[in-house]
All heavy atoms as atom14 arrays in JSON, in Angstrom:
{
  "sequence": "VNSMDAIKEIKVNKTQINAEIDDTLLKTNETVLCSDSAGGWRSKIKT",
  "atom14_mask": [
    [1, 1, 1, 1, 1, 1, 1, 0, 0, 0, 0, 0, 0, 0],
    [1, 1, 1, 1, 1, 1, 1, 1, 0, 0, 0, 0, 0, 0],
    [1, 1, 1, 1, 1, 1, 0, 0, 0, 0, 0, 0, 0, 0],
    [1, 1, 1, 1, 1, 1, 1, 1, 0, 0, 0, 0, 0, 0],
    [1, 1, 1, 1, 1, 1, 1, 1, 0, 0, 0, 0, 0, 0],
    [1, 1, 1, 1, 1, 0, 0, 0, 0, 0, 0, 0, 0, 0],
    [1, 1, 1, 1, 1, 1, 1, 1, 0, 0, 0, 0, 0, 0],
    [1, 1, 1, 1, 1, 1, 1, 1, 1, 0, 0, 0, 0, 0],
    [1, 1, 1, 1, 1, 1, 1, 1, 1, 0, 0, 0, 0, 0],
    [1, 1, 1, 1, 1, 1, 1, 1, 0, 0, 0, 0, 0, 0],
    [1, 1, 1, 1, 1, 1, 1, 1, 1, 0, 0, 0, 0, 0],
    [1, 1, 1, 1, 1, 1, 1, 0, 0, 0, 0, 0, 0, 0],
    [1, 1, 1, 1, 1, 1, 1, 1, 0, 0, 0, 0, 0, 0],
    [1, 1, 1, 1, 1, 1, 1, 1, 1, 0, 0, 0, 0, 0],
    [1, 1, 1, 1, 1, 1, 1, 0, 0, 0, 0, 0, 0, 0],
    [1, 1, 1, 1, 1, 1, 1, 1, 1, 0, 0, 0, 0, 0],
    [1, 1, 1, 1, 1, 1, 1, 1, 0, 0, 0, 0, 0, 0],
    [1, 1, 1, 1, 1, 1, 1, 1, 0, 0, 0, 0, 0, 0],
    [1, 1, 1, 1, 1, 0, 0, 0, 0, 0, 0, 0, 0, 0],
    [1, 1, 1, 1, 1, 1, 1, 1, 1, 0, 0, 0, 0, 0],
    [1, 1, 1, 1, 1, 1, 1, 1, 0, 0, 0, 0, 0, 0],
    [1, 1, 1, 1, 1, 1, 1, 1, 0, 0, 0, 0, 0, 0],
    [1, 1, 1, 1, 1, 1, 1, 1, 0, 0, 0, 0, 0, 0],
    [1, 1, 1, 1, 1, 1, 1, 0, 0, 0, 0, 0, 0, 0],
    [1, 1, 1, 1, 1, 1, 1, 1, 0, 0, 0, 0, 0, 0],
    [1, 1, 1, 1, 1, 1, 1, 1, 0, 0, 0, 0, 0, 0],
    [1, 1, 1, 1, 1, 1, 1, 1, 1, 0, 0, 0, 0, 0],
    [1, 1, 1, 1, 1, 1, 1, 0, 0, 0, 0, 0, 0, 0],
    [1, 1, 1, 1, 1, 1, 1, 1, 0, 0, 0, 0, 0, 0],
    [1, 1, 1, 1, 1, 1, 1, 1, 1, 0, 0, 0, 0, 0],
    [1, 1, 1, 1, 1, 1, 1, 0, 0, 0, 0, 0, 0, 0],
    [1, 1, 1, 1, 1, 1, 1, 0, 0, 0, 0, 0, 0, 0],
    [1, 1, 1, 1, 1, 1, 1, 1, 0, 0, 0, 0, 0, 0],
    [1, 1, 1, 1, 1, 1, 0, 0, 0, 0, 0, 0, 0, 0],
    [1, 1, 1, 1, 1, 1, 0, 0, 0, 0, 0, 0, 0, 0],
    [1, 1, 1, 1, 1, 1, 1, 1, 0, 0, 0, 0, 0, 0],
    [1, 1, 1, 1, 1, 1, 0, 0, 0, 0, 0, 0, 0, 0],
    [1, 1, 1, 1, 1, 0, 0, 0, 0, 0, 0, 0, 0, 0],
    [1, 1, 1, 1, 0, 0, 0, 0, 0, 0, 0, 0, 0, 0],
    [1, 1, 1, 1, 0, 0, 0, 0, 0, 0, 0, 0, 0, 0],
    [1, 1, 1, 1, 1, 1, 1, 1, 1, 1, 1, 1, 1, 1],
    [1, 1, 1, 1, 1, 1, 1, 1, 1, 1, 1, 0, 0, 0],
    [1, 1, 1, 1, 1, 1, 0, 0, 0, 0, 0, 0, 0, 0],
    [1, 1, 1, 1, 1, 1, 1, 1, 1, 0, 0, 0, 0, 0],
    [1, 1, 1, 1, 1, 1, 1, 1, 0, 0, 0, 0, 0, 0],
    [1, 1, 1, 1, 1, 1, 1, 1, 1, 0, 0, 0, 0, 0],
    [1, 1, 1, 1, 1, 1, 1, 0, 0, 0, 0, 0, 0, 0]
  ],
  "atom14_positions": [
    [[-55.23, 38.56, 65.81], [-55.73, 39.43, 64.74], [-55.29, 38.82, 63.41], [-54.33, 38.03, 63.36], [-55.19, 40.88, 64.84], [-55.6, 41.53, 66.16], [-53.67, 40.91, 64.69], [0.0, 0.0, 0.0], [0.0, 0.0, 0.0], [0.0, 0.0, 0.0], [0.0, 0.0, 0.0], [0.0, 0.0, 0.0], [0.0, 0.0, 0.0], [0.0, 0.0, 0.0]],
    [[-55.98, 39.17, 62.35], [-55.57, 38.7, 61.02], [-55.47, 39.83, 60.0], [-55.35, 39.59, 58.81], [-56.52, 37.61, 60.51], [-57.97, 38.04, 60.53], [-58.27, 39.23, 60.58], [-58.89, 37.08, 60.52], [0.0, 0.0, 0.0], [0.0, 0.0, 0.0], [0.0, 0.0, 0.0], [0.0, 0.0, 0.0], [0.0, 0.0, 0.0], [0.0, 0.0, 0.0]],
    [[-55.5, 41.07, 60.5], [-55.28, 42.23, 59.63], [-54.82, 43.4, 60.49], [-55.11, 43.46, 61.7], [-56.56, 42.62, 58.87], [-57.49, 43.22, 59.75], [0.0, 0.0, 0.0], [0.0, 0.0, 0.0], [0.0, 0.0, 0.0], [0.0, 0.0, 0.0], [0.0, 0.0, 0.0], [0.0, 0.0, 0.0], [0.0, 0.0, 0.0], [0.0, 0.0, 0.0]],
    [[-54.12, 44.35, 59.87], [-53.69, 45.53, 60.6], [-54.88, 46.37, 61.05], [-54.81, 47.07, 62.07], [-52.74, 46.36, 59.72], [-51.38, 45.73, 59.5], [-50.43, 45.49, 61.03], [-50.13, 47.19, 61.51], [0.0, 0.0, 0.0], [0.0, 0.0, 0.0], [0.0, 0.0, 0.0], [0.0, 0.0, 0.0], [0.0, 0.0, 0.0], [0.0, 0.0, 0.0]],
    [[-55.97, 46.31, 60.31], [-57.17, 47.07, 60.69], [-57.74, 46.6, 62.02], [-58.45, 47.35, 62.69], [-58.24, 46.94, 59.6], [-57.87, 47.67, 58.32], [-57.02, 48.58, 58.39], [-58.42, 47.32, 57.27], [0.0, 0.0, 0.0], [0.0, 0.0, 0.0], [0.0, 0.0, 0.0], [0.0, 0.0, 0.0], [0.0, 0.0, 0.0], [0.0, 0.0, 0.0]],
    [[-57.44, 45.35, 62.41], [-57.96, 44.83, 63.67], [-57.19, 45.36, 64.87], [-57.63, 45.18, 66.01], [-57.91, 43.3, 63.66], [0.0, 0.0, 0.0], [0.0, 0.0, 0.0], [0.0, 0.0, 0.0], [0.0, 0.0, 0.0], [0.0, 0.0, 0.0], [0.0, 0.0, 0.0], [0.0, 0.0, 0.0], [0.0, 0.0, 0.0], [0.0, 0.0, 0.0]],
    [[-56.05, 46.01, 64.63], [-55.27, 46.61, 65.72], [-55.68, 48.08, 65.84], [-55.39, 48.89, 64.97], [-53.77, 46.49, 65.47], [-53.37, 45.02, 65.31], [-52.98, 47.13, 66.63], [-51.91, 44.8, 64.96], [0.0, 0.0, 0.0], [0.0, 0.0, 0.0], [0.0, 0.0, 0.0], [0.0, 0.0, 0.0], [0.0, 0.0, 0.0], [0.0, 0.0, 0.0]],
    [[-56.35, 48.42, 66.92], [-56.86, 49.78, 67.09], [-55.81, 50.71, 67.68], [-55.72, 51.88, 67.29], [-58.11, 49.75, 67.98], [-59.26, 48.92, 67.42], [-60.42, 48.85, 68.39], [-61.55, 48.01, 67.82], [-62.69, 47.9, 68.79], [0.0, 0.0, 0.0], [0.0, 0.0, 0.0], [0.0, 0.0, 0.0], [0.0, 0.0, 0.0], [0.0, 0.0, 0.0]],
    [[-55.03, 50.21, 68.64], [-54.06, 51.08, 69.3], [-53.02, 50.25, 70.03], [-53.34, 49.19, 70.59], [-54.77, 52.0, 70.3], [-53.87, 53.02, 70.96], [-54.63, 53.94, 71.91], [-55.38, 53.42, 72.77], [-54.49, 55.17, 71.79], [0.0, 0.0, 0.0], [0.0, 0.0, 0.0], [0.0, 0.0, 0.0], [0.0, 0.0, 0.0], [0.0, 0.0, 0.0]],
    [[-51.78, 50.71, 70.01], [-50.71, 50.12, 70.8], [-49.99, 51.25, 71.54], [-49.53, 52.21, 70.93], [-49.7, 49.35, 69.92], [-50.36, 48.15, 69.24], [-48.5, 48.88, 70.76], [-49.47, 47.43, 68.24], [0.0, 0.0, 0.0], [0.0, 0.0, 0.0], [0.0, 0.0, 0.0], [0.0, 0.0, 0.0], [0.0, 0.0, 0.0], [0.0, 0.0, 0.0]],
    [[-49.92, 51.13, 72.84], [-49.19, 52.11, 73.66], [-48.08, 51.4, 74.41], [-48.32, 50.41, 75.1], [-50.13, 52.79, 74.66], [-51.15, 53.74, 74.04], [-51.97, 54.42, 75.12], [-52.96, 55.42, 74.52], [-53.78, 56.09, 75.57], [0.0, 0.0, 0.0], [0.0, 0.0, 0.0], [0.0, 0.0, 0.0], [0.0, 0.0, 0.0], [0.0, 0.0, 0.0]],
    [[-46.85, 51.91, 74.24], [-45.69, 51.33, 74.9], [-45.16, 52.34, 75.91], [-44.83, 53.47, 75.57], [-44.58, 50.96, 73.89], [-43.36, 50.4, 74.63], [-45.09, 49.96, 72.87], [0.0, 0.0, 0.0], [0.0, 0.0, 0.0], [0.0, 0.0, 0.0], [0.0, 0.0, 0.0], [0.0, 0.0, 0.0], [0.0, 0.0, 0.0], [0.0, 0.0, 0.0]],
    [[-45.11, 51.94, 77.17], [-44.55, 52.78, 78.23], [-43.5, 51.97, 78.97], [-43.8, 51.18, 79.86], [-45.65, 53.24, 79.19], [-45.12, 54.16, 80.28], [-44.0, 54.66, 80.2], [-45.92, 54.37, 81.32], [0.0, 0.0, 0.0], [0.0, 0.0, 0.0], [0.0, 0.0, 0.0], [0.0, 0.0, 0.0], [0.0, 0.0, 0.0], [0.0, 0.0, 0.0]],
    [[-42.25, 52.13, 78.53], [-41.13, 51.38, 79.07], [-41.4, 49.88, 78.94], [-41.43, 49.35, 77.83], [-40.83, 51.81, 80.5], [-40.38, 53.26, 80.6], [-40.04, 53.65, 82.01], [-39.54, 55.09, 82.08], [-39.22, 55.5, 83.46], [0.0, 0.0, 0.0], [0.0, 0.0, 0.0], [0.0, 0.0, 0.0], [0.0, 0.0, 0.0], [0.0, 0.0, 0.0]],
    [[-41.62, 49.17, 80.04], [-41.82, 47.72, 79.98], [-43.29, 47.32, 79.95], [-43.61, 46.14, 79.99], [-41.14, 47.03, 81.17], [-41.72, 47.51, 82.39], [-39.64, 47.3, 81.17], [0.0, 0.0, 0.0], [0.0, 0.0, 0.0], [0.0, 0.0, 0.0], [0.0, 0.0, 0.0], [0.0, 0.0, 0.0], [0.0, 0.0, 0.0], [0.0, 0.0, 0.0]],
    [[-44.18, 48.3, 79.88], [-45.61, 48.03, 79.87], [-46.19, 48.32, 78.48], [-45.97, 49.4, 77.92], [-46.34, 48.9, 80.91], [-45.83, 48.71, 82.33], [-46.09, 47.32, 82.87], [-47.18, 46.77, 82.73], [-45.07, 46.73, 83.48], [0.0, 0.0, 0.0], [0.0, 0.0, 0.0], [0.0, 0.0, 0.0], [0.0, 0.0, 0.0], [0.0, 0.0, 0.0]],
    [[-46.9, 47.34, 77.92], [-47.52, 47.51, 76.61], [-49.03, 47.3, 76.76], [-49.47, 46.32, 77.37], [-46.99, 46.49, 75.59], [-45.45, 46.46, 75.58], [-47.54, 46.78, 74.19], [-44.88, 45.29, 74.8], [0.0, 0.0, 0.0], [0.0, 0.0, 0.0], [0.0, 0.0, 0.0], [0.0, 0.0, 0.0], [0.0, 0.0, 0.0], [0.0, 0.0, 0.0]],
    [[-49.8, 48.22, 76.21], [-51.25, 48.07, 76.18], [-51.71, 48.09, 74.74], [-51.39, 49.0, 73.98], [-51.93, 49.2, 76.97], [-51.78, 49.02, 78.46], [-52.49, 48.23, 79.08], [-50.84, 49.75, 79.05], [0.0, 0.0, 0.0], [0.0, 0.0, 0.0], [0.0, 0.0, 0.0], [0.0, 0.0, 0.0], [0.0, 0.0, 0.0], [0.0, 0.0, 0.0]],
    [[-52.45, 47.06, 74.37], [-52.96, 46.95, 73.0], [-54.47, 46.85, 73.02], [-55.05, 46.13, 73.84], [-52.36, 45.73, 72.31], [0.0, 0.0, 0.0], [0.0, 0.0, 0.0], [0.0, 0.0, 0.0], [0.0, 0.0, 0.0], [0.0, 0.0, 0.0], [0.0, 0.0, 0.0], [0.0, 0.0, 0.0], [0.0, 0.0, 0.0], [0.0, 0.0, 0.0]],
    [[-55.1, 47.58, 72.1], [-56.55, 47.49, 71.9], [-56.79, 46.91, 70.51], [-56.27, 47.44, 69.52], [-57.21, 48.86, 72.02], [-57.14, 49.46, 73.42], [-57.99, 48.69, 74.42], [-59.04, 48.14, 74.01], [-57.61, 48.63, 75.6], [0.0, 0.0, 0.0], [0.0, 0.0, 0.0], [0.0, 0.0, 0.0], [0.0, 0.0, 0.0], [0.0, 0.0, 0.0]],
    [[-57.54, 45.82, 70.46], [-57.77, 45.16, 69.19], [-59.25, 44.8, 69.03], [-60.0, 44.77, 70.01], [-56.92, 43.87, 69.06], [-57.35, 42.82, 70.1], [-55.44, 44.18, 69.2], [-56.66, 41.48, 69.94], [0.0, 0.0, 0.0], [0.0, 0.0, 0.0], [0.0, 0.0, 0.0], [0.0, 0.0, 0.0], [0.0, 0.0, 0.0], [0.0, 0.0, 0.0]],
    [[-59.63, 44.55, 67.81], [-60.95, 43.98, 67.53], [-61.0, 42.6, 68.19], [-60.11, 41.78, 67.98], [-61.13, 43.86, 66.02], [-62.52, 43.37, 65.62], [-63.0, 42.4, 66.24], [-63.1, 43.93, 64.69], [0.0, 0.0, 0.0], [0.0, 0.0, 0.0], [0.0, 0.0, 0.0], [0.0, 0.0, 0.0], [0.0, 0.0, 0.0], [0.0, 0.0, 0.0]],
    [[-62.05, 42.36, 68.98], [-62.07, 41.13, 69.77], [-62.78, 39.97, 69.09], [-63.1, 38.97, 69.74], [-62.7, 41.39, 71.14], [-64.17, 41.79, 71.05], [-64.67, 41.93, 69.93], [-64.8, 41.97, 72.11], [0.0, 0.0, 0.0], [0.0, 0.0, 0.0], [0.0, 0.0, 0.0], [0.0, 0.0, 0.0], [0.0, 0.0, 0.0], [0.0, 0.0, 0.0]],
    [[-62.98, 40.05, 67.77], [-63.67, 38.97, 67.07], [-62.98, 37.63, 67.26], [-63.6, 36.62, 67.62], [-63.79, 39.29, 65.57], [-64.5, 40.51, 65.4], [-64.53, 38.17, 64.85], [0.0, 0.0, 0.0], [0.0, 0.0, 0.0], [0.0, 0.0, 0.0], [0.0, 0.0, 0.0], [0.0, 0.0, 0.0], [0.0, 0.0, 0.0], [0.0, 0.0, 0.0]],
    [[-61.66, 37.59, 67.02], [-60.93, 36.34, 67.17], [-60.81, 35.92, 68.63], [-60.77, 34.73, 68.95], [-59.55, 36.44, 66.53], [-59.5, 36.4, 65.0], [-58.07, 36.59, 64.51], [-60.07, 35.1, 64.47], [0.0, 0.0, 0.0], [0.0, 0.0, 0.0], [0.0, 0.0, 0.0], [0.0, 0.0, 0.0], [0.0, 0.0, 0.0], [0.0, 0.0, 0.0]],
    [[-60.76, 36.91, 69.53], [-60.66, 36.57, 70.95], [-61.89, 35.79, 71.42], [-61.81, 34.95, 72.31], [-60.52, 37.85, 71.79], [-59.25, 38.67, 71.6], [-59.27, 39.87, 72.53], [-58.02, 37.82, 71.85], [0.0, 0.0, 0.0], [0.0, 0.0, 0.0], [0.0, 0.0, 0.0], [0.0, 0.0, 0.0], [0.0, 0.0, 0.0], [0.0, 0.0, 0.0]],
    [[-63.04, 36.08, 70.81], [-64.28, 35.42, 71.21], [-64.41, 34.02, 70.62], [-65.16, 33.2, 71.13], [-65.48, 36.27, 70.77], [-65.61, 37.58, 71.54], [-66.79, 38.39, 71.02], [-66.97, 39.68, 71.8], [-68.09, 40.5, 71.27], [0.0, 0.0, 0.0], [0.0, 0.0, 0.0], [0.0, 0.0, 0.0], [0.0, 0.0, 0.0], [0.0, 0.0, 0.0]],
    [[-63.69, 33.76, 69.51], [-63.9, 32.5, 68.81], [-62.69, 31.57, 68.85], [-62.83, 30.38, 68.61], [-64.25, 32.75, 67.34], [-63.16, 33.46, 66.72], [-65.51, 33.6, 67.23], [0.0, 0.0, 0.0], [0.0, 0.0, 0.0], [0.0, 0.0, 0.0], [0.0, 0.0, 0.0], [0.0, 0.0, 0.0], [0.0, 0.0, 0.0], [0.0, 0.0, 0.0]],
    [[-61.51, 32.1, 69.13], [-60.27, 31.31, 69.0], [-59.79, 30.84, 70.36], [-59.33, 31.62, 71.18], [-59.2, 32.17, 68.32], [-57.97, 31.35, 67.99], [-57.84, 30.22, 68.42], [-57.08, 31.93, 67.22], [0.0, 0.0, 0.0], [0.0, 0.0, 0.0], [0.0, 0.0, 0.0], [0.0, 0.0, 0.0], [0.0, 0.0, 0.0], [0.0, 0.0, 0.0]],
    [[-59.87, 29.54, 70.61], [-59.46, 29.01, 71.9], [-57.95, 29.07, 72.12], [-57.49, 29.06, 73.26], [-59.92, 27.55, 72.02], [-61.43, 27.39, 72.03], [-61.83, 25.93, 72.14], [-60.99, 25.14, 72.6], [-62.95, 25.61, 71.75], [0.0, 0.0, 0.0], [0.0, 0.0, 0.0], [0.0, 0.0, 0.0], [0.0, 0.0, 0.0], [0.0, 0.0, 0.0]],
    [[-57.18, 29.16, 71.06], [-55.73, 29.09, 71.22], [-55.2, 30.25, 72.05], [-54.26, 30.08, 72.82], [-55.0, 29.1, 69.86], [-55.22, 30.33, 69.2], [-55.45, 27.95, 69.01], [0.0, 0.0, 0.0], [0.0, 0.0, 0.0], [0.0, 0.0, 0.0], [0.0, 0.0, 0.0], [0.0, 0.0, 0.0], [0.0, 0.0, 0.0], [0.0, 0.0, 0.0]],
    [[-55.8, 31.43, 71.94], [-55.23, 32.59, 72.63], [-55.4, 32.5, 74.13], [-54.74, 33.19, 74.88], [-55.86, 33.91, 72.11], [-55.59, 34.08, 70.64], [-57.34, 33.97, 72.4], [0.0, 0.0, 0.0], [0.0, 0.0, 0.0], [0.0, 0.0, 0.0], [0.0, 0.0, 0.0], [0.0, 0.0, 0.0], [0.0, 0.0, 0.0], [0.0, 0.0, 0.0]],
    [[-56.29, 31.65, 74.6], [-56.51, 31.54, 76.03], [-55.42, 30.74, 76.73], [-55.27, 30.81, 77.94], [-57.89, 30.9, 76.31], [-59.07, 31.67, 75.73], [-60.37, 30.94, 76.06], [-59.13, 33.08, 76.28], [0.0, 0.0, 0.0], [0.0, 0.0, 0.0], [0.0, 0.0, 0.0], [0.0, 0.0, 0.0], [0.0, 0.0, 0.0], [0.0, 0.0, 0.0]],
    [[-54.66, 29.96, 75.97], [-53.63, 29.13, 76.6], [-52.29, 29.28, 75.89], [-51.35, 28.58, 76.22], [-54.05, 27.67, 76.59], [-54.15, 27.0, 74.92], [0.0, 0.0, 0.0], [0.0, 0.0, 0.0], [0.0, 0.0, 0.0], [0.0, 0.0, 0.0], [0.0, 0.0, 0.0], [0.0, 0.0, 0.0], [0.0, 0.0, 0.0], [0.0, 0.0, 0.0]],
    [[-52.2, 30.17, 74.93], [-51.03, 30.2, 74.06], [-50.24, 31.48, 74.25], [-50.78, 32.57, 74.23], [-51.49, 30.09, 72.6], [-50.43, 30.42, 71.75], [0.0, 0.0, 0.0], [0.0, 0.0, 0.0], [0.0, 0.0, 0.0], [0.0, 0.0, 0.0], [0.0, 0.0, 0.0], [0.0, 0.0, 0.0], [0.0, 0.0, 0.0], [0.0, 0.0, 0.0]],
    [[-48.94, 31.31, 74.43], [-48.05, 32.46, 74.42], [-46.65, 31.94, 74.22], [-45.91, 31.75, 75.16], [-48.14, 33.26, 75.72], [-47.27, 34.5, 75.66], [-46.73, 34.81, 74.59], [-47.12, 35.16, 76.69], [0.0, 0.0, 0.0], [0.0, 0.0, 0.0], [0.0, 0.0, 0.0], [0.0, 0.0, 0.0], [0.0, 0.0, 0.0], [0.0, 0.0, 0.0]],
    [[-46.3, 31.68, 72.98], [-45.01, 31.08, 72.7], [-43.87, 31.98, 73.12], [-42.77, 31.51, 73.4], [-44.9, 30.77, 71.2], [-45.11, 31.92, 70.43], [0.0, 0.0, 0.0], [0.0, 0.0, 0.0], [0.0, 0.0, 0.0], [0.0, 0.0, 0.0], [0.0, 0.0, 0.0], [0.0, 0.0, 0.0], [0.0, 0.0, 0.0], [0.0, 0.0, 0.0]],
    [[-44.12, 33.31, 73.19], [-43.04, 34.23, 73.55], [-42.54, 33.98, 74.96], [-41.37, 34.17, 75.26], [-43.52, 35.68, 73.41], [0.0, 0.0, 0.0], [0.0, 0.0, 0.0], [0.0, 0.0, 0.0], [0.0, 0.0, 0.0], [0.0, 0.0, 0.0], [0.0, 0.0, 0.0], [0.0, 0.0, 0.0], [0.0, 0.0, 0.0], [0.0, 0.0, 0.0]],
    [[-43.41, 33.55, 75.84], [-42.99, 33.35, 77.21], [-42.85, 31.9, 77.6], [-42.69, 31.57, 78.76], [0.0, 0.0, 0.0], [0.0, 0.0, 0.0], [0.0, 0.0, 0.0], [0.0, 0.0, 0.0], [0.0, 0.0, 0.0], [0.0, 0.0, 0.0], [0.0, 0.0, 0.0], [0.0, 0.0, 0.0], [0.0, 0.0, 0.0], [0.0, 0.0, 0.0]],
    [[-42.9, 31.01, 76.63], [-42.69, 29.6, 76.92], [-43.95, 28.78, 77.0], [-43.9, 27.57, 77.21], [0.0, 0.0, 0.0], [0.0, 0.0, 0.0], [0.0, 0.0, 0.0], [0.0, 0.0, 0.0], [0.0, 0.0, 0.0], [0.0, 0.0, 0.0], [0.0, 0.0, 0.0], [0.0, 0.0, 0.0], [0.0, 0.0, 0.0], [0.0, 0.0, 0.0]],
    [[-45.13, 29.38, 76.84], [-46.37, 28.6, 76.83], [-46.53, 27.94, 75.48], [-46.41, 28.58, 74.45], [-47.57, 29.5, 77.13], [-47.56, 30.06, 78.51], [-47.89, 29.43, 79.67], [-47.19, 31.39, 78.88], [-47.73, 30.28, 80.74], [-47.31, 31.48, 80.29], [-46.76, 32.51, 78.17], [-47.04, 32.64, 80.99], [-46.48, 33.66, 78.87], [-46.62, 33.72, 80.26]],
    [[-46.89, 26.69, 75.47], [-47.04, 25.93, 74.23], [-48.37, 26.25, 73.57], [-49.41, 26.19, 74.18], [-46.95, 24.44, 74.54], [-47.16, 23.54, 73.35], [-46.01, 23.64, 72.35], [-44.78, 23.11, 72.92], [-43.67, 22.99, 72.2], [-43.65, 23.35, 70.94], [-42.58, 22.54, 72.77], [0.0, 0.0, 0.0], [0.0, 0.0, 0.0], [0.0, 0.0, 0.0]],
    [[-48.31, 26.64, 72.3], [-49.53, 26.95, 71.56], [-50.4, 25.7, 71.38], [-49.89, 24.62, 71.13], [-49.2, 27.52, 70.17], [-48.56, 28.75, 70.28], [0.0, 0.0, 0.0], [0.0, 0.0, 0.0], [0.0, 0.0, 0.0], [0.0, 0.0, 0.0], [0.0, 0.0, 0.0], [0.0, 0.0, 0.0], [0.0, 0.0, 0.0], [0.0, 0.0, 0.0]],
    [[-51.69, 25.88, 71.53], [-52.65, 24.81, 71.25], [-53.13, 25.01, 69.83], [-54.04, 25.78, 69.56], [-53.8, 24.88, 72.25], [-54.8, 23.75, 72.13], [-55.88, 23.9, 73.2], [-56.9, 22.79, 73.09], [-57.98, 22.95, 74.1], [0.0, 0.0, 0.0], [0.0, 0.0, 0.0], [0.0, 0.0, 0.0], [0.0, 0.0, 0.0], [0.0, 0.0, 0.0]],
    [[-52.51, 24.3, 68.9], [-52.76, 24.52, 67.49], [-53.93, 23.65, 67.04], [-53.86, 22.43, 67.07], [-51.5, 24.19, 66.66], [-50.34, 25.07, 67.11], [-51.78, 24.37, 65.18], [-48.99, 24.6, 66.58], [0.0, 0.0, 0.0], [0.0, 0.0, 0.0], [0.0, 0.0, 0.0], [0.0, 0.0, 0.0], [0.0, 0.0, 0.0], [0.0, 0.0, 0.0]],
    [[-55.01, 24.31, 66.64], [-56.21, 23.56, 66.24], [-56.45, 23.64, 64.73], [-56.94, 22.69, 64.13], [-57.44, 24.09, 66.99], [-57.33, 23.93, 68.49], [-58.61, 24.3, 69.19], [-59.7, 23.26, 68.97], [-60.9, 23.53, 69.77], [0.0, 0.0, 0.0], [0.0, 0.0, 0.0], [0.0, 0.0, 0.0], [0.0, 0.0, 0.0], [0.0, 0.0, 0.0]],
    [[-56.12, 24.76, 64.12], [-56.31, 24.91, 62.68], [-55.05, 25.48, 62.05], [-54.37, 26.32, 62.65], [-57.5, 25.84, 62.35], [-57.26, 27.14, 62.92], [-58.8, 25.28, 62.9], [0.0, 0.0, 0.0], [0.0, 0.0, 0.0], [0.0, 0.0, 0.0], [0.0, 0.0, 0.0], [0.0, 0.0, 0.0], [0.0, 0.0, 0.0], [0.0, 0.0, 0.0]]
  ]
}
């Protein structure tokens, strides 16, 4: 996401988190398909 408006909802239930976001960047940004620095996955930085 690139704005707070793109985050529709976040629900936290103990160790489970569910987030609903505007999927515009999900459809166009390849980095999110292989990137998760929080868990040790190396980000594929393109731009």
